Amino acid sequence: MEDKCEILIENVTKTFGGQEVLKTVCAKFEMGKIYGIVGRNGSGKTVLLKCICGLLYPQAGTVTVGGRVVGKDVDYPENVGFIIETPGFLPRYSGLKNLKYLASVRGKVKEDEIRKYMELVGLNPDDKKHVGNYSLGMKQRLGIAQALMENPDILILDEPMNALDNNGVEEMRTILLKMKEQGKLIIIASHVRDDIDILCDEVYGIDAGIMKKIC
């Protein structure tokens, strides 16, 4: 495509209870890059990611994904995988059964692909253990598998390394860098400076709803 910009955020403002959580935020995100968003808890990072995914809509400004305005041209942008906040799964189902259930909503991916992505993130798809008995790290891996399983062009990841041990962190970094090489667009919100330094091509800082590019 001539214009590599896939996500365009223009003057986005989001208010809750009269308080501006995002204040005229502007940014451009291109395919084939990893972007970092850093900021303290409550700074607006997660709210911005939700606006990109169509989970929230701004009071003012626009979020355009793939040339379509979220909340106007499309309710939820297509070809976006995301993990935002704690993944929610059915506790009495296995990991595979959870992902098969979620995949059935859109019918875009078959079981063999789900199995492939579970194995990619270090989970055994034949494990019958209920997700309610998973460790926090296993739940995080399952959430990442969910974000990846439809092979989206865009990944939106909020604190993707939460609860992972050192080996898990290294594995996830390797996965994300390979996906960047495939031309995917990845946006990561993280408190972990090493993740930002190792993975990201560009970094935005957000504080009290105001976002600025910092490197």
Protein backbone atom coordinates (compact mmCIF):
# COMPACT_ATOMS: atom_id res chain seq x y z
CA MET A 1 0.00 0.00 0.00
CA GLU A 2 1.29 3.50 -0.73
CA ASP A 3 0.24 4.93 2.63
CA LYS A 4 1.72 2.69 5.30
CA CYS A 5 -0.35 4.33 8.06
CA GLU A 6 -2.82 1.70 9.28
CA ILE A 7 -4.05 3.37 12.49
CA LEU A 8 -4.69 7.10 12.62
CA ILE A 9 -5.73 8.76 15.86
CA GLU A 10 -6.93 12.33 15.40
CA ASN A 11 -7.74 14.64 18.32
CA VAL A 12 -9.26 11.87 20.42
CA THR A 13 -10.85 12.96 23.69
CA LYS A 14 -12.48 10.54 26.12
CA THR A 15 -14.32 11.64 29.25
CA PHE A 16 -15.64 9.69 32.23
CA GLY A 17 -17.83 11.48 34.75
CA GLY A 18 -16.70 14.86 33.55
CA GLN A 19 -13.00 13.97 33.80
CA GLU A 20 -10.94 13.95 30.61
CA VAL A 21 -9.04 10.66 30.51
CA LEU A 22 -7.71 11.31 26.99
CA LYS A 23 -7.05 14.89 25.84
CA THR A 24 -6.91 15.52 22.06
CA VAL A 25 -4.60 12.55 21.46
CA CYS A 26 -3.01 12.29 18.01
CA ALA A 27 -0.81 9.49 16.64
CA LYS A 28 -0.01 7.47 13.53
CA PHE A 29 0.91 3.78 13.55
CA GLU A 30 2.40 2.00 10.52
CA MET A 31 2.53 -1.63 9.48
CA GLY A 32 5.77 -3.51 10.12
CA LYS A 33 6.58 -1.69 13.35
CA ILE A 34 6.24 -2.21 17.09
CA TYR A 35 5.09 0.79 19.11
CA GLY A 36 5.31 1.22 22.85
CA ILE A 37 3.00 3.24 25.05
CA VAL A 38 4.29 4.00 28.54
CA GLY A 39 2.70 5.76 31.49
CA ARG A 40 1.61 5.34 35.06
CA ASN A 41 -1.56 3.54 36.12
CA GLY A 42 -4.54 5.73 35.29
CA SER A 43 -2.64 7.73 32.69
CA GLY A 44 -5.02 6.70 29.88
CA LYS A 45 -3.05 3.89 28.18
CA THR A 46 -5.71 1.21 28.47
CA VAL A 47 -8.52 3.61 27.53
CA LEU A 48 -6.67 4.52 24.33
CA LEU A 49 -6.17 0.86 23.43
CA LYS A 50 -9.86 0.19 24.00
CA CYS A 51 -10.74 3.07 21.68
CA ILE A 52 -8.56 1.54 18.95
CA CYS A 53 -10.26 -1.86 19.38
CA GLY A 54 -13.79 -0.45 19.41
CA LEU A 55 -14.42 -1.39 23.04
CA LEU A 56 -14.89 2.32 23.81
CA TYR A 57 -15.70 5.26 21.55
CA PRO A 58 -14.30 8.78 22.05
CA GLN A 59 -16.47 11.80 22.76
CA ALA A 60 -14.47 13.79 20.22
CA GLY A 61 -11.97 13.00 17.48
CA THR A 62 -11.64 9.84 15.41
CA VAL A 63 -9.83 6.52 15.41
CA THR A 64 -9.32 5.18 11.88
CA VAL A 65 -8.13 1.61 11.37
CA GLY A 66 -7.47 0.35 7.87
CA GLY A 67 -9.17 3.41 6.40
CA ARG A 68 -12.41 2.91 8.38
CA VAL A 69 -13.52 5.09 11.28
CA VAL A 70 -14.20 3.03 14.39
CA GLY A 71 -17.72 3.62 15.70
CA LYS A 72 -18.87 5.11 12.39
CA ASP A 73 -17.80 2.94 9.47
CA VAL A 74 -17.31 -0.16 11.63
CA ASP A 75 -18.14 -1.08 15.24
CA TYR A 76 -15.04 -3.18 15.73
CA PRO A 77 -12.05 -2.94 13.39
CA GLU A 78 -11.33 -6.10 11.44
CA ASN A 79 -8.12 -8.08 11.56
CA VAL A 80 -7.15 -6.89 15.05
CA GLY A 81 -6.10 -9.24 17.82
CA PHE A 82 -5.87 -7.88 21.33
CA ILE A 83 -5.31 -8.63 24.97
CA ILE A 84 -6.48 -5.85 27.26
CA GLU A 85 -6.52 -6.19 31.05
CA THR A 86 -7.02 -9.66 32.54
CA PRO A 87 -8.21 -12.18 29.94
CA GLY A 88 -11.65 -13.56 30.72
CA PHE A 89 -12.20 -17.27 30.12
CA LEU A 90 -14.75 -19.90 31.13
CA PRO A 91 -13.14 -21.46 34.22
CA ARG A 92 -14.64 -24.95 33.80
CA TYR A 93 -13.43 -25.37 30.21
CA SER A 94 -9.97 -26.41 29.08
CA GLY A 95 -7.76 -23.92 27.27
CA LEU A 96 -8.50 -25.50 23.89
CA LYS A 97 -12.25 -25.59 24.52
CA ASN A 98 -12.19 -21.91 25.54
CA LEU A 99 -10.41 -20.87 22.36
CA LYS A 100 -12.65 -23.05 20.17
CA TYR A 101 -15.70 -21.41 21.73
CA LEU A 102 -14.32 -17.90 21.12
CA ALA A 103 -13.28 -18.82 17.57
CA SER A 104 -16.80 -20.04 16.79
CA VAL A 105 -18.15 -16.48 17.16
CA ARG A 106 -16.54 -15.38 13.90
CA GLY A 107 -15.79 -18.75 12.35
CA LYS A 108 -12.49 -17.60 10.88
CA VAL A 109 -10.15 -20.20 12.34
CA LYS A 110 -10.19 -23.99 12.64
CA GLU A 111 -9.00 -26.20 15.47
CA ASP A 112 -5.65 -27.02 13.89
CA GLU A 113 -4.77 -23.30 13.82
CA ILE A 114 -5.85 -22.89 17.43
CA ARG A 115 -3.64 -25.82 18.40
CA LYS A 116 -0.71 -24.29 16.53
CA TYR A 117 -0.95 -21.00 18.41
CA MET A 118 -1.40 -22.70 21.77
CA GLU A 119 1.80 -24.63 21.15
CA LEU A 120 3.51 -21.44 19.94
CA VAL A 121 2.92 -19.75 23.30
CA GLY A 122 3.98 -22.83 25.26
CA LEU A 123 0.63 -24.47 26.08
CA ASN A 124 -0.38 -28.07 25.43
CA PRO A 125 -3.71 -28.08 23.55
CA ASP A 126 -4.40 -31.63 24.77
CA ASP A 127 -4.13 -30.63 28.43
CA LYS A 128 -7.59 -31.24 29.96
CA LYS A 129 -6.94 -28.98 32.95
CA HIS A 130 -9.70 -26.42 33.46
CA VAL A 131 -8.66 -22.81 32.97
CA GLY A 132 -9.91 -22.11 36.50
CA ASN A 133 -6.93 -24.19 37.68
CA TYR A 134 -4.40 -22.41 35.46
CA SER A 135 -1.64 -20.32 36.98
CA LEU A 136 -1.66 -16.60 36.18
CA GLY A 137 1.16 -17.17 33.71
CA MET A 138 -0.78 -19.90 31.90
CA LYS A 139 -3.83 -17.65 31.68
CA GLN A 140 -1.66 -14.92 30.20
CA ARG A 141 -0.26 -17.34 27.61
CA LEU A 142 -3.79 -18.41 26.72
CA GLY A 143 -4.80 -14.76 26.32
CA ILE A 144 -1.90 -14.19 23.94
CA ALA A 145 -2.86 -17.32 21.98
CA GLN A 146 -6.38 -15.90 21.68
CA ALA A 147 -4.99 -12.61 20.34
CA LEU A 148 -2.85 -14.45 17.78
CA MET A 149 -5.07 -17.35 16.70
CA GLU A 150 -6.81 -15.60 13.79
CA ASN A 151 -3.44 -14.38 12.47
CA PRO A 152 -4.41 -10.69 12.60
CA ASP A 153 -2.43 -7.95 10.88
CA ILE A 154 -2.66 -5.73 13.97
CA LEU A 155 -1.95 -6.70 17.58
CA ILE A 156 -2.95 -4.52 20.54
CA LEU A 157 -1.33 -5.81 23.73
CA ASP A 158 -1.84 -4.32 27.19
CA GLU A 159 0.91 -5.51 29.57
CA PRO A 160 1.45 -8.73 27.57
CA MET A 161 4.27 -10.01 29.82
CA ASN A 162 2.24 -9.91 33.04
CA ALA A 163 2.75 -13.00 35.23
CA LEU A 164 5.23 -14.62 32.79
CA ASP A 165 8.50 -16.02 34.11
CA ASN A 166 11.82 -15.07 32.52
CA ASN A 167 11.66 -17.86 29.95
CA GLY A 168 8.11 -16.90 29.04
CA VAL A 169 9.10 -13.27 28.58
CA GLU A 170 11.94 -14.24 26.23
CA GLU A 171 9.63 -16.54 24.27
CA MET A 172 7.01 -13.81 23.83
CA ARG A 173 9.59 -11.25 22.77
CA THR A 174 10.83 -13.65 20.11
CA ILE A 175 7.27 -14.28 18.88
CA LEU A 176 6.51 -10.55 18.63
CA LEU A 177 9.73 -9.75 16.79
CA LYS A 178 8.99 -12.51 14.27
CA MET A 179 5.52 -11.07 13.73
CA LYS A 180 7.02 -7.67 13.12
CA GLU A 181 9.24 -9.27 10.46
CA GLN A 182 6.03 -10.58 8.84
CA GLY A 183 4.87 -6.96 8.45
CA LYS A 184 2.39 -6.84 11.31
CA LEU A 185 1.63 -3.72 13.34
CA ILE A 186 1.99 -4.21 17.09
CA ILE A 187 1.16 -1.75 19.86
CA ILE A 188 2.30 -2.61 23.39
CA ALA A 189 1.46 -0.83 26.63
CA SER A 190 3.95 -1.87 29.29
CA HIS A 191 5.49 -0.84 32.59
CA VAL A 192 8.57 -2.95 31.83
CA ARG A 193 11.31 -0.78 30.38
CA ASP A 194 13.23 -3.76 28.95
CA ASP A 195 10.20 -4.80 26.87
CA ILE A 196 9.94 -1.29 25.45
CA ASP A 197 13.69 -0.96 24.79
CA ILE A 198 14.05 -4.39 23.17
CA LEU A 199 10.86 -4.52 21.12
CA CYS A 200 9.76 -1.04 20.12
CA ASP A 201 10.65 1.07 17.11
CA GLU A 202 8.85 4.13 18.47
CA VAL A 203 7.62 5.00 21.94
CA TYR A 204 4.85 7.30 23.14
CA GLY A 205 4.48 8.55 26.68
CA ILE A 206 1.08 9.32 28.14
CA ASP A 207 0.45 11.29 31.32
CA ALA A 208 -2.90 12.59 32.57
CA GLY A 209 -4.42 11.84 29.18
CA ILE A 210 -1.85 13.75 27.15
CA MET A 211 0.27 11.64 24.79
CA LYS A 212 3.58 12.64 23.24
CA LYS A 213 6.14 10.78 21.16
CA ILE A 214 9.28 10.39 23.25
CA CYS A 215 11.55 8.35 20.94
